[in-house]
Amino acid sequence: MLKKILYIIVLALMGTSDALAFNKELTDSIRSLDELLMQKDYFTQQKENRISELKAKLSTSSRDDERYTLSINLYEEYKAYQYDSAYHYANKSFSLATNLNNLEYKLESKCALIFCLLSAGLYKEAFDEFQKIDCQDVGVSYKQKYYSLAIRLNYAISDYNHSSPFYEKYVNAGNLFTDSILQLIPAPSPERHYFEAQRQMKNREYAQSIATFENLISHDSINTHDKAIIHSCLGWMYWQNGNTDLGLKNLIESAKYDIKASVKETTALCGLGELLYNMEDIDRAKEYVQQSLNDANFYGARHRKIEINNILPIIEQDRYILLQHQRNIVLIGGAIILLLVIALSLAFVVVFKHKKKLEDAQLQIAERNHRLTQINSQLQEVNKIKNEYIGNSFYQSSRFIDNMENIYKTVSIKIAARQYNDVGLYLKNTMIKEERNNMFNVFDKTFLRIFPHFIEQYNQLFPESERKYPDQTDTLTTEMRIFALIRLGVTESDKIAQFLNKSIHTINTYKTRVKNKSLIENEQFEARIMEIGRVSEP
């Protein structure tokens, strides 16, 4: 993540991007060229496959005329691909033509040999060999090959010798040969337009040449290699006329067609690199010129290697300066990022500590709220119990006073009648037993009003066979009454024994027997009793 942030900062500081340097159409064209360059090996393999098929046929052929056709076809495949192999098959074709004593084949193969010399930059050797050719006794198509080579030879050396009067000398010679070939080509035809456009370009009639080439480029008969040449010429002329965008666009298209045709003897990519260098796109310029040098080395074009090696060091020097500048920017950006990271780290530590304190405080508040909720629930429950038993206590007190008044009257009557023995028996059997039973009944009813589902929830703690239900719905069994008292908070056995008029031992025996029959562990039984009928509302 840090690397991505640093890269974005560097780009922002440099202020260089395709979107800033070119319009969208050119940006897309350059990207598509870069994608094609990555597929270069694919197109090269297609070329090698075609060559392998021709070689296989040549190795099995026994007829010289068939071998000549295959050899000249191999030359055609190699002529813009690899100089040594092209020269080999051109020479082989010439030998076969000599054996066949075919003047047209000899002229064609000799032109092939001269084209190889020309493509390799061997201009003197090419002119020497060209002087030896005689095209008088050959057909029109072979004369066209001769004149086409002558045009190419003179125009190419004019580009090599820019200074006067040599430039004009070779251009004029090329023009004369162009006149000758135009007499052999019917009008209108793509071939005628091609040679006319070339002559216009060499005579610096750029507007006419551009118009002619633009009309020619869309013609169906133009092959991939010729399209590369035409786009290269258009790109150079548009650039000369100051139309940078169209110049770049056509050079890009020329480079694309060169890649598709696996052309190694090419100038488009190098020219494009130079233009991009002038536009300060140093990295891409270096890449394209380096690719051109690789192609020139593969082909064996001496003059191309010299031209490229004159350009590449200049680009490399500027690229080194640019890299130094970028490195300084990266260092500054890195220092800024480091400071930001340190600051963010410190801020993170501070925020983390505050967050931890806040979480601890929130946890304490939550715990206190939970305890308060529990206490509030207990208070509500106690309040309800208190209200029930206070109300019942008034009723019981009133009833107790009425009973005492009745007992007082009865005792008074018996004393007045001197029935002293009846007084004691009456007090023992009537007052104590009845009052205790009344107390239990009142307790049971009051408790069940507070906890109406106590009996049902109590029985759920036992297996089906051990569940017991009182005869009346508003009363409790003795065991239930013990645990009802525990539910009300009376947990001491002596207080329970005193209330129920039982011994402590009896109470403990009841408790142990009940726990042993339950489904709950003995230690957890009373806690489960305390969970019965929790009061949530007052």
Protein backbone atom coordinates (compact mmCIF):
# COMPACT_ATOMS: atom_id res chain seq x y z
CA MET A 1 0.00 0.00 0.00
CA LEU A 2 2.86 2.35 0.86
CA LYS A 3 4.47 1.74 -2.53
CA LYS A 4 1.24 2.62 -4.33
CA ILE A 5 0.91 5.86 -2.37
CA LEU A 6 4.52 6.74 -3.13
CA TYR A 7 4.02 6.03 -6.84
CA ILE A 8 0.97 8.31 -6.96
CA ILE A 9 2.88 11.11 -5.22
CA VAL A 10 5.80 10.75 -7.64
CA LEU A 11 3.48 10.98 -10.65
CA ALA A 12 1.79 14.00 -9.15
CA LEU A 13 5.13 15.73 -8.53
CA MET A 14 6.47 14.84 -11.99
CA GLY A 15 3.29 15.95 -13.71
CA THR A 16 3.81 13.49 -16.59
CA SER A 17 1.15 11.15 -17.94
CA ASP A 18 -0.23 10.05 -21.29
CA ALA A 19 -3.37 12.02 -20.67
CA LEU A 20 -1.34 15.23 -20.28
CA ALA A 21 1.05 14.58 -23.19
CA PHE A 22 -1.41 13.40 -25.86
CA ASN A 23 -5.05 13.54 -26.70
CA LYS A 24 -7.17 10.44 -26.06
CA GLU A 25 -6.92 9.09 -29.62
CA LEU A 26 -3.11 9.25 -29.63
CA THR A 27 -2.95 7.84 -26.11
CA ASP A 28 -5.08 4.86 -27.18
CA SER A 29 -2.94 4.39 -30.33
CA ILE A 30 0.30 4.35 -28.33
CA ARG A 31 -1.16 1.88 -25.85
CA SER A 32 -2.28 -0.40 -28.67
CA LEU A 33 1.26 -0.18 -30.14
CA ASP A 34 2.73 -1.15 -26.78
CA GLU A 35 0.35 -4.12 -26.64
CA LEU A 36 1.44 -5.19 -30.15
CA LEU A 37 5.09 -4.93 -29.15
CA MET A 38 4.36 -7.44 -26.40
CA GLN A 39 2.92 -9.77 -29.08
CA LYS A 40 5.94 -9.34 -31.36
CA ASP A 41 7.10 -12.93 -30.85
CA TYR A 42 3.70 -14.21 -32.01
CA PHE A 43 3.98 -12.46 -35.40
CA THR A 44 7.63 -13.51 -35.70
CA GLN A 45 6.60 -17.12 -35.15
CA GLN A 46 4.01 -16.83 -37.94
CA LYS A 47 6.76 -15.55 -40.24
CA GLU A 48 9.07 -18.41 -39.21
CA ASN A 49 6.28 -20.93 -39.89
CA ARG A 50 5.81 -19.63 -43.44
CA ILE A 51 9.56 -19.75 -44.02
CA SER A 52 9.76 -23.31 -42.65
CA GLU A 53 7.03 -24.46 -45.06
CA LEU A 54 8.86 -22.94 -48.05
CA LYS A 55 12.18 -24.48 -46.97
CA ALA A 56 10.54 -27.87 -46.59
CA LYS A 57 9.15 -27.66 -50.12
CA LEU A 58 12.53 -26.48 -51.47
CA SER A 59 14.34 -29.41 -49.87
CA THR A 60 12.05 -31.91 -51.62
CA SER A 61 11.90 -30.17 -55.02
CA SER A 62 13.99 -31.55 -57.91
CA ARG A 63 13.02 -29.19 -60.75
CA ASP A 64 15.12 -26.02 -61.16
CA ASP A 65 12.21 -23.83 -62.24
CA GLU A 66 10.22 -24.90 -59.15
CA ARG A 67 13.30 -24.47 -56.96
CA TYR A 68 13.77 -20.98 -58.42
CA THR A 69 10.18 -19.97 -57.54
CA LEU A 70 10.57 -21.30 -53.98
CA SER A 71 13.96 -19.56 -53.57
CA ILE A 72 12.65 -16.20 -54.78
CA ASN A 73 9.65 -16.60 -52.45
CA LEU A 74 12.03 -17.26 -49.57
CA TYR A 75 13.92 -14.11 -50.54
CA GLU A 76 10.63 -12.17 -50.42
CA GLU A 77 9.97 -13.48 -46.91
CA TYR A 78 13.49 -12.59 -45.77
CA LYS A 79 14.11 -9.31 -47.62
CA ALA A 80 12.68 -7.10 -44.87
CA TYR A 81 13.31 -9.66 -42.13
CA GLN A 82 16.95 -10.81 -42.19
CA TYR A 83 19.71 -9.62 -44.51
CA ASP A 84 21.99 -12.70 -44.53
CA SER A 85 19.19 -15.13 -45.35
CA ALA A 86 17.64 -12.77 -47.91
CA TYR A 87 21.03 -12.44 -49.65
CA HIS A 88 21.54 -16.22 -49.52
CA TYR A 89 18.24 -16.98 -51.26
CA ALA A 90 18.66 -14.10 -53.73
CA ASN A 91 22.06 -15.52 -54.67
CA LYS A 92 20.60 -19.04 -54.86
CA SER A 93 17.84 -17.70 -57.12
CA PHE A 94 20.45 -16.10 -59.40
CA SER A 95 22.36 -19.39 -59.65
CA LEU A 96 19.18 -21.27 -60.56
CA ALA A 97 18.25 -18.56 -63.09
CA THR A 98 21.72 -18.91 -64.66
CA ASN A 99 21.32 -22.68 -64.85
CA LEU A 100 17.93 -22.20 -66.49
CA ASN A 101 19.42 -19.49 -68.77
CA ASN A 102 16.28 -17.41 -68.15
CA LEU A 103 16.93 -13.68 -68.71
CA GLU A 104 13.86 -12.58 -66.76
CA TYR A 105 14.72 -14.79 -63.79
CA LYS A 106 18.29 -13.47 -63.94
CA LEU A 107 17.08 -9.86 -63.86
CA GLU A 108 14.63 -10.58 -61.03
CA SER A 109 17.23 -12.39 -58.91
CA LYS A 110 19.90 -9.75 -59.63
CA CYS A 111 17.44 -7.05 -58.49
CA ALA A 112 16.90 -9.11 -55.36
CA LEU A 113 20.66 -9.20 -54.71
CA ILE A 114 20.94 -5.44 -55.20
CA PHE A 115 17.95 -4.83 -52.91
CA CYS A 116 19.75 -6.80 -50.18
CA LEU A 117 22.86 -4.66 -50.59
CA LEU A 118 20.74 -1.50 -50.50
CA SER A 119 18.84 -2.62 -47.38
CA ALA A 120 22.14 -3.38 -45.64
CA GLY A 121 23.47 0.12 -46.40
CA LEU A 122 26.02 -1.09 -48.99
CA TYR A 123 25.19 1.70 -51.48
CA LYS A 124 28.43 1.56 -53.52
CA GLU A 125 28.16 -2.18 -54.00
CA ALA A 126 24.48 -1.81 -54.89
CA PHE A 127 25.24 0.84 -57.58
CA ASP A 128 28.10 -1.23 -58.98
CA GLU A 129 25.87 -4.27 -59.39
CA PHE A 130 23.02 -2.18 -60.76
CA GLN A 131 25.22 -0.90 -63.61
CA LYS A 132 25.62 -4.49 -64.80
CA ILE A 133 21.90 -5.11 -65.38
CA ASP A 134 20.38 -5.05 -68.86
CA CYS A 135 16.57 -4.91 -69.04
CA GLN A 136 16.14 -4.61 -72.82
CA ASP A 137 14.96 -8.14 -73.60
CA VAL A 138 12.59 -8.81 -70.68
CA GLY A 139 8.83 -8.44 -70.26
CA VAL A 140 6.98 -5.40 -68.86
CA SER A 141 6.52 -6.78 -65.36
CA TYR A 142 10.27 -7.46 -65.08
CA LYS A 143 11.10 -3.99 -66.42
CA GLN A 144 8.86 -2.61 -63.66
CA LYS A 145 10.96 -4.53 -61.11
CA TYR A 146 14.11 -3.00 -62.61
CA TYR A 147 12.77 0.59 -62.56
CA SER A 148 11.28 0.14 -59.09
CA LEU A 149 14.69 -0.91 -57.79
CA ALA A 150 16.34 2.03 -59.55
CA ILE A 151 13.88 4.45 -57.95
CA ARG A 152 14.40 2.92 -54.52
CA LEU A 153 18.18 3.01 -54.92
CA ASN A 154 18.39 6.68 -55.92
CA TYR A 155 15.78 7.97 -53.48
CA ALA A 156 17.37 6.00 -50.61
CA ILE A 157 20.85 7.40 -51.24
CA SER A 158 19.37 10.90 -51.55
CA ASP A 159 18.09 10.51 -47.98
CA TYR A 160 21.54 9.38 -46.93
CA ASN A 161 23.23 12.39 -48.66
CA HIS A 162 21.18 15.37 -47.57
CA SER A 163 23.60 18.07 -48.68
CA SER A 164 23.60 19.79 -52.09
CA PRO A 165 24.28 19.08 -54.87
CA PHE A 166 24.18 15.32 -54.15
CA TYR A 167 20.64 15.27 -52.83
CA GLU A 168 19.24 16.93 -55.96
CA LYS A 169 21.38 14.70 -58.23
CA TYR A 170 19.97 11.45 -56.83
CA VAL A 171 16.40 12.81 -56.60
CA ASN A 172 16.53 13.84 -60.28
CA ALA A 173 17.83 10.39 -61.23
CA GLY A 174 15.01 8.81 -59.23
CA ASN A 175 12.51 11.10 -60.97
CA LEU A 176 13.73 9.95 -64.41
CA PHE A 177 13.28 6.31 -63.46
CA THR A 178 9.83 7.20 -62.07
CA ASP A 179 8.90 8.66 -65.47
CA SER A 180 10.05 5.44 -67.10
CA ILE A 181 8.02 3.16 -64.83
CA LEU A 182 4.91 5.32 -65.12
CA GLN A 183 4.97 4.73 -68.87
CA LEU A 184 4.64 0.99 -68.16
CA ILE A 185 1.84 1.23 -65.58
CA PRO A 186 -1.74 1.88 -66.75
CA ALA A 187 -3.70 4.73 -65.21
CA PRO A 188 -5.41 4.77 -62.84
CA SER A 189 -3.88 2.07 -60.64
CA PRO A 190 -2.58 1.84 -57.05
CA GLU A 191 0.98 1.20 -58.30
CA ARG A 192 0.93 4.37 -60.38
CA HIS A 193 -0.36 6.45 -57.44
CA TYR A 194 2.35 5.01 -55.21
CA PHE A 195 5.21 6.08 -57.50
CA GLU A 196 3.61 9.48 -58.11
CA ALA A 197 3.26 10.08 -54.37
CA GLN A 198 6.92 9.08 -53.84
CA ARG A 199 8.11 11.53 -56.50
CA GLN A 200 5.98 14.33 -55.04
CA MET A 201 7.44 13.67 -51.60
CA LYS A 202 11.04 13.71 -52.82
CA ASN A 203 10.37 16.97 -54.69
CA ARG A 204 9.02 18.41 -51.40
CA GLU A 205 5.50 18.72 -52.82
CA TYR A 206 4.15 17.57 -49.48
CA ALA A 207 0.51 18.64 -49.82
CA GLN A 208 0.12 16.78 -53.14
CA SER A 209 2.02 13.76 -51.85
CA ILE A 210 -0.09 13.55 -48.68
CA ALA A 211 -3.30 13.71 -50.72
CA THR A 212 -2.07 10.97 -53.07
CA PHE A 213 -0.95 8.69 -50.23
CA GLU A 214 -4.18 9.27 -48.25
CA ASN A 215 -6.23 8.18 -51.28
CA LEU A 216 -3.97 5.19 -51.82
CA ILE A 217 -3.91 3.86 -48.25
CA SER A 218 -7.53 2.68 -48.29
CA HIS A 219 -7.14 0.64 -51.49
CA ASP A 220 -7.82 -3.08 -51.07
CA SER A 221 -4.73 -4.19 -53.00
CA ILE A 222 -2.28 -2.55 -50.56
CA ASN A 223 -0.60 -5.22 -48.44
CA THR A 224 0.52 -4.89 -44.81
CA HIS A 225 4.16 -4.04 -45.60
CA ASP A 226 3.17 -1.37 -48.15
CA LYS A 227 0.75 0.15 -45.63
CA ALA A 228 3.64 0.43 -43.18
CA ILE A 229 5.73 2.28 -45.81
CA ILE A 230 2.86 4.65 -46.75
CA HIS A 231 2.05 5.51 -43.13
CA SER A 232 5.75 6.09 -42.47
CA CYS A 233 5.93 8.57 -45.39
CA LEU A 234 2.74 10.31 -44.24
CA GLY A 235 3.99 10.55 -40.68
CA TRP A 236 7.27 12.14 -41.78
CA MET A 237 5.52 14.66 -44.06
CA TYR A 238 2.86 15.64 -41.49
CA TRP A 239 5.65 16.21 -38.99
CA GLN A 240 7.54 18.36 -41.49
CA ASN A 241 4.37 20.41 -42.04
CA GLY A 242 4.01 20.99 -38.27
CA ASN A 243 1.02 18.70 -37.77
CA THR A 244 2.38 16.83 -34.74
CA ASP A 245 -0.73 14.76 -33.96
CA LEU A 246 -1.14 13.37 -37.48
CA GLY A 247 2.60 12.81 -37.73
CA LEU A 248 2.56 10.71 -34.58
CA LYS A 249 -0.63 8.92 -35.56
CA ASN A 250 0.78 7.77 -38.91
CA LEU A 251 4.15 6.72 -37.49
CA ILE A 252 2.32 4.69 -34.84
CA GLU A 253 0.23 2.99 -37.54
CA SER A 254 3.38 2.32 -39.59
CA ALA A 255 5.07 0.70 -36.58
CA LYS A 256 1.98 -1.46 -35.98
CA TYR A 257 1.96 -2.74 -39.58
CA ASP A 258 5.72 -3.43 -39.35
CA ILE A 259 5.12 -5.58 -36.26
CA LYS A 260 2.26 -7.47 -37.91
CA ALA A 261 4.39 -8.10 -41.01
CA SER A 262 7.47 -9.00 -38.88
CA VAL A 263 9.51 -6.32 -40.66
CA LYS A 264 12.96 -5.82 -39.13
CA GLU A 265 14.30 -3.44 -41.77
CA THR A 266 12.19 -0.48 -40.64
CA THR A 267 12.48 3.19 -39.72
CA ALA A 268 9.02 3.93 -38.25
CA LEU A 269 9.68 2.85 -34.67
CA CYS A 270 12.99 4.70 -34.53
CA GLY A 271 11.42 7.83 -36.06
CA LEU A 272 8.58 7.60 -33.57
CA GLY A 273 11.14 7.34 -30.77
CA GLU A 274 12.85 10.50 -31.98
CA LEU A 275 9.57 12.41 -32.09
CA LEU A 276 8.63 11.26 -28.60
CA TYR A 277 12.07 12.26 -27.39
CA ASN A 278 11.48 15.77 -28.77
CA MET A 279 8.18 15.76 -26.87
CA GLU A 280 10.10 14.76 -23.68
CA ASP A 281 8.52 11.31 -23.39
CA ILE A 282 12.01 9.99 -22.63
CA ASP A 283 11.20 6.52 -21.29
CA ARG A 284 9.01 5.51 -24.22
CA ALA A 285 11.42 7.10 -26.71
CA LYS A 286 14.27 5.03 -25.28
CA GLU A 287 12.19 1.86 -25.42
CA TYR A 288 11.19 2.38 -29.08
CA VAL A 289 14.71 3.29 -30.22
CA GLN A 290 16.09 0.27 -28.37
CA GLN A 291 13.52 -1.94 -30.11
CA SER A 292 14.65 -0.43 -33.44
CA LEU A 293 18.26 -1.21 -32.61
CA ASN A 294 17.32 -4.80 -31.78
CA ASP A 295 15.54 -5.08 -35.14
CA ALA A 296 18.52 -3.56 -36.99
CA ASN A 297 20.89 -5.98 -35.26
CA PHE A 298 18.62 -8.90 -36.14
CA TYR A 299 18.33 -7.80 -39.77
CA GLY A 300 21.97 -6.81 -40.13
CA ALA A 301 21.36 -3.30 -41.48
CA ARG A 302 24.68 -1.53 -40.94
CA HIS A 303 23.50 1.99 -41.77
CA ARG A 304 20.42 1.61 -39.53
CA LYS A 305 22.62 0.57 -36.61
CA ILE A 306 24.86 3.60 -37.19
CA GLU A 307 21.84 5.96 -37.28
CA ILE A 308 20.28 4.47 -34.16
CA ASN A 309 23.57 4.38 -32.24
CA ASN A 310 23.90 8.11 -32.91
CA ILE A 311 20.49 8.74 -31.35
CA LEU A 312 20.43 6.25 -28.48
CA PRO A 313 23.26 7.76 -26.37
CA ILE A 314 21.57 11.18 -26.44
CA ILE A 315 18.30 9.66 -25.27
CA GLU A 316 20.11 7.59 -22.65
CA GLN A 317 21.87 10.69 -21.30
CA ASP A 318 18.61 12.60 -20.99
CA ARG A 319 16.96 9.53 -19.52
CA TYR A 320 19.74 9.32 -16.92
CA ILE A 321 19.15 12.98 -16.03
CA LEU A 322 15.41 12.30 -15.83
CA LEU A 323 16.00 9.25 -13.63
CA GLN A 324 18.20 11.35 -11.36
CA HIS A 325 15.42 13.90 -11.14
CA GLN A 326 12.88 11.17 -10.48
CA ARG A 327 15.14 9.63 -7.86
CA ASN A 328 15.39 12.97 -6.08
CA ILE A 329 11.62 13.30 -6.24
CA VAL A 330 11.25 9.77 -4.90
CA LEU A 331 13.64 10.53 -2.04
CA ILE A 332 11.74 13.71 -1.19
CA GLY A 333 8.45 11.89 -1.55
CA GLY A 334 9.82 9.05 0.56
CA ALA A 335 10.90 11.46 3.28
CA ILE A 336 7.46 13.09 3.23
CA ILE A 337 5.79 9.69 3.38
CA LEU A 338 8.08 8.62 6.24
CA LEU A 339 7.20 11.75 8.21
CA LEU A 340 3.51 11.17 7.48
CA VAL A 341 3.82 7.54 8.58
CA ILE A 342 5.55 8.58 11.81
CA ALA A 343 2.93 11.24 12.45
CA LEU A 344 0.12 8.80 11.66
CA SER A 345 1.74 6.18 13.91
CA LEU A 346 1.91 8.63 16.81
CA ALA A 347 -1.65 9.72 16.15
CA PHE A 348 -2.69 6.09 15.98
CA VAL A 349 -1.05 5.36 19.36
CA VAL A 350 -2.77 8.36 20.96
CA VAL A 351 -6.12 7.48 19.41
CA PHE A 352 -5.68 3.83 20.41
CA LYS A 353 -5.02 4.80 24.04
CA HIS A 354 -8.04 7.10 24.13
CA LYS A 355 -10.11 4.41 22.44
CA LYS A 356 -8.97 1.86 25.03
CA LYS A 357 -9.89 4.20 27.87
CA LEU A 358 -13.25 4.88 26.24
CA GLU A 359 -13.89 1.15 25.80
CA ASP A 360 -12.96 0.50 29.45
CA ALA A 361 -15.28 3.31 30.57
CA GLN A 362 -18.07 1.97 28.34
CA LEU A 363 -17.52 -1.51 29.77
CA GLN A 364 -17.71 -0.20 33.34
CA ILE A 365 -20.85 1.77 32.49
CA ALA A 366 -22.38 -1.31 30.89
CA GLU A 367 -21.54 -3.43 33.95
CA ARG A 368 -22.98 -0.80 36.27
CA ASN A 369 -26.09 -0.49 34.16
CA HIS A 370 -26.46 -4.26 34.24
CA ARG A 371 -26.08 -4.27 38.03
CA LEU A 372 -28.53 -1.37 38.34
CA THR A 373 -31.00 -3.27 36.15
CA GLN A 374 -30.63 -6.31 38.37
CA ILE A 375 -30.99 -4.24 41.53
CA ASN A 376 -33.97 -2.41 40.07
CA SER A 377 -35.58 -5.75 39.18
CA GLN A 378 -34.94 -7.03 42.70
CA LEU A 379 -36.29 -3.83 44.21
CA GLN A 380 -39.42 -4.12 42.07
CA GLU A 381 -39.81 -7.71 43.22
CA VAL A 382 -39.22 -6.81 46.88
CA ASN A 383 -41.60 -3.86 46.53
CA LYS A 384 -44.32 -6.11 45.18
CA ILE A 385 -43.73 -8.67 47.94
CA LYS A 386 -43.71 -5.88 50.52
CA ASN A 387 -46.98 -4.41 49.22
CA GLU A 388 -48.66 -7.82 49.21
CA TYR A 389 -47.56 -8.74 52.72
CA ILE A 390 -48.22 -5.26 54.18
CA GLY A 391 -51.76 -5.39 52.86
CA ASN A 392 -52.22 -8.88 54.22
CA SER A 393 -50.67 -7.93 57.55
CA PHE A 394 -53.38 -5.28 58.10
CA TYR A 395 -56.03 -7.85 57.28
CA GLN A 396 -54.42 -10.44 59.56
CA SER A 397 -54.04 -7.94 62.40
CA SER A 398 -57.69 -6.98 62.15
CA ARG A 399 -58.71 -10.62 62.01
CA PHE A 400 -56.42 -11.44 64.94
CA ILE A 401 -58.06 -8.69 67.03
CA ASP A 402 -61.52 -10.03 66.15
CA ASN A 403 -60.45 -13.55 67.15
CA MET A 404 -58.97 -12.27 70.37
CA GLU A 405 -62.22 -10.44 71.10
CA ASN A 406 -64.22 -13.64 70.46
CA ILE A 407 -61.82 -15.67 72.60
CA TYR A 408 -62.07 -13.06 75.37
CA LYS A 409 -65.86 -13.26 75.34
CA THR A 410 -65.83 -17.09 75.29
CA VAL A 411 -63.28 -17.28 78.10
CA SER A 412 -65.24 -14.71 80.15
CA ILE A 413 -68.39 -16.75 79.79
CA LYS A 414 -66.61 -19.99 80.79
CA ILE A 415 -64.96 -18.33 83.78
CA ALA A 416 -68.30 -16.88 84.86
CA ALA A 417 -69.70 -20.41 84.63
CA ARG A 418 -66.68 -21.71 86.57
CA GLN A 419 -65.69 -24.01 83.64
CA TYR A 420 -61.95 -23.57 84.26
CA ASN A 421 -60.82 -26.83 82.63
CA ASP A 422 -62.69 -25.97 79.42
CA VAL A 423 -60.87 -22.62 79.26
CA GLY A 424 -57.43 -24.26 79.00
CA LEU A 425 -58.54 -26.89 76.51
CA TYR A 426 -60.29 -24.25 74.39
CA LEU A 427 -57.23 -22.05 74.27
CA LYS A 428 -54.93 -24.95 73.31
CA ASN A 429 -57.03 -26.57 70.60
CA THR A 430 -58.68 -23.56 69.09
CA MET A 431 -56.33 -20.63 69.16
CA ILE A 432 -52.84 -21.97 68.31
CA LYS A 433 -53.63 -24.65 65.70
CA GLU A 434 -56.23 -22.60 63.90
CA GLU A 435 -54.10 -19.48 63.83
CA ARG A 436 -51.07 -21.39 62.45
CA ASN A 437 -53.18 -22.97 59.70
CA ASN A 438 -54.63 -19.59 58.87
CA MET A 439 -51.13 -18.15 58.74
CA PHE A 440 -50.01 -20.87 56.28
CA ASN A 441 -53.09 -20.36 54.12
CA VAL A 442 -52.56 -16.61 54.01
CA PHE A 443 -48.85 -17.10 53.23
CA ASP A 444 -49.62 -19.55 50.39
CA LYS A 445 -52.25 -17.35 48.79
CA THR A 446 -50.14 -14.22 49.07
CA PHE A 447 -47.07 -15.97 47.69
CA LEU A 448 -48.97 -17.44 44.72
CA ARG A 449 -50.40 -14.03 43.88
CA ILE A 450 -46.83 -12.76 43.65
CA PHE A 451 -45.53 -15.84 41.83
CA PRO A 452 -48.57 -17.30 40.05
CA HIS A 453 -46.51 -19.84 38.05
CA PHE A 454 -44.37 -21.01 40.96
CA ILE A 455 -45.92 -24.49 41.26
CA GLU A 456 -45.60 -25.14 37.50
CA GLN A 457 -41.99 -23.86 37.26
CA TYR A 458 -41.05 -25.66 40.49
CA ASN A 459 -42.30 -29.00 39.10
CA GLN A 460 -40.29 -28.50 35.87
CA LEU A 461 -37.16 -29.00 37.99
CA PHE A 462 -38.17 -32.64 38.58
CA PRO A 463 -38.76 -35.67 36.37
CA GLU A 464 -42.39 -36.43 35.50
CA SER A 465 -42.70 -39.13 38.15
CA GLU A 466 -41.62 -36.80 40.97
CA ARG A 467 -43.83 -33.86 40.18
CA LYS A 468 -46.48 -33.05 42.85
CA TYR A 469 -49.47 -30.73 42.78
CA PRO A 470 -51.44 -29.58 45.92
CA ASP A 471 -55.09 -30.51 46.30
CA GLN A 472 -56.08 -26.86 46.08
CA THR A 473 -54.66 -24.46 43.48
CA ASP A 474 -53.98 -21.70 46.03
CA THR A 475 -52.00 -23.79 48.54
CA LEU A 476 -48.47 -25.18 48.74
CA THR A 477 -47.06 -28.46 49.99
CA THR A 478 -44.66 -28.37 52.92
CA GLU A 479 -41.65 -28.89 50.57
CA MET A 480 -42.89 -26.15 48.28
CA ARG A 481 -43.43 -23.85 51.27
CA ILE A 482 -39.78 -24.34 52.32
CA PHE A 483 -38.52 -23.29 48.90
CA ALA A 484 -41.13 -20.53 48.67
CA LEU A 485 -39.54 -19.03 51.78
CA ILE A 486 -36.10 -19.41 50.15
CA ARG A 487 -37.48 -17.64 47.05
CA LEU A 488 -38.52 -14.75 49.32
CA GLY A 489 -34.95 -14.55 50.63
CA VAL A 490 -35.35 -16.53 53.85
CA THR A 491 -32.45 -18.94 53.38
CA GLU A 492 -31.50 -19.73 57.05
CA SER A 493 -32.82 -23.15 58.10
CA ASP A 494 -33.53 -22.01 61.71
CA LYS A 495 -35.82 -19.19 60.53
CA ILE A 496 -37.61 -21.53 58.13
CA ALA A 497 -38.01 -24.10 60.95
CA GLN A 498 -39.36 -21.43 63.30
CA PHE A 499 -41.91 -20.22 60.72
CA LEU A 500 -43.11 -23.74 59.81
CA ASN A 501 -42.99 -24.98 63.43
CA LYS A 502 -40.50 -27.71 62.49
CA SER A 503 -37.07 -28.68 63.75
CA ILE A 504 -33.96 -27.54 61.89
CA HIS A 505 -33.07 -31.19 61.24
CA THR A 506 -36.49 -31.78 59.68
CA ILE A 507 -36.11 -28.74 57.42
CA ASN A 508 -32.65 -29.88 56.25
CA THR A 509 -33.96 -33.38 55.61
CA TYR A 510 -36.78 -31.97 53.48
CA LYS A 511 -34.34 -29.84 51.51
CA THR A 512 -31.88 -32.67 50.86
CA ARG A 513 -34.62 -35.11 49.82
CA VAL A 514 -36.13 -32.63 47.39
CA LYS A 515 -32.74 -31.78 45.81
CA ASN A 516 -31.86 -35.44 45.35
CA LYS A 517 -35.06 -36.03 43.38
CA SER A 518 -34.57 -33.02 41.08
CA LEU A 519 -33.00 -32.84 37.60
CA ILE A 520 -30.65 -30.10 38.79
CA GLU A 521 -27.30 -30.45 40.55
CA ASN A 522 -27.78 -30.00 44.32
CA GLU A 523 -25.43 -27.02 44.40
CA GLN A 524 -27.42 -25.25 41.64
CA PHE A 525 -30.94 -26.06 42.88
CA GLU A 526 -31.52 -23.04 45.13
CA ALA A 527 -30.09 -20.71 42.42
CA ARG A 528 -32.68 -22.10 40.00
CA ILE A 529 -35.39 -21.53 42.63
CA MET A 530 -34.33 -17.87 42.80
CA GLU A 531 -34.87 -17.55 39.03
CA ILE A 532 -38.54 -18.54 39.24
CA GLY A 533 -40.96 -15.73 38.40
CA ARG A 534 -38.49 -12.84 38.25
CA VAL A 535 -40.51 -9.62 38.46
CA SER A 536 -39.84 -7.26 35.54
CA GLU A 537 -42.53 -4.72 36.33
CA PRO A 538 -43.75 -3.25 39.59
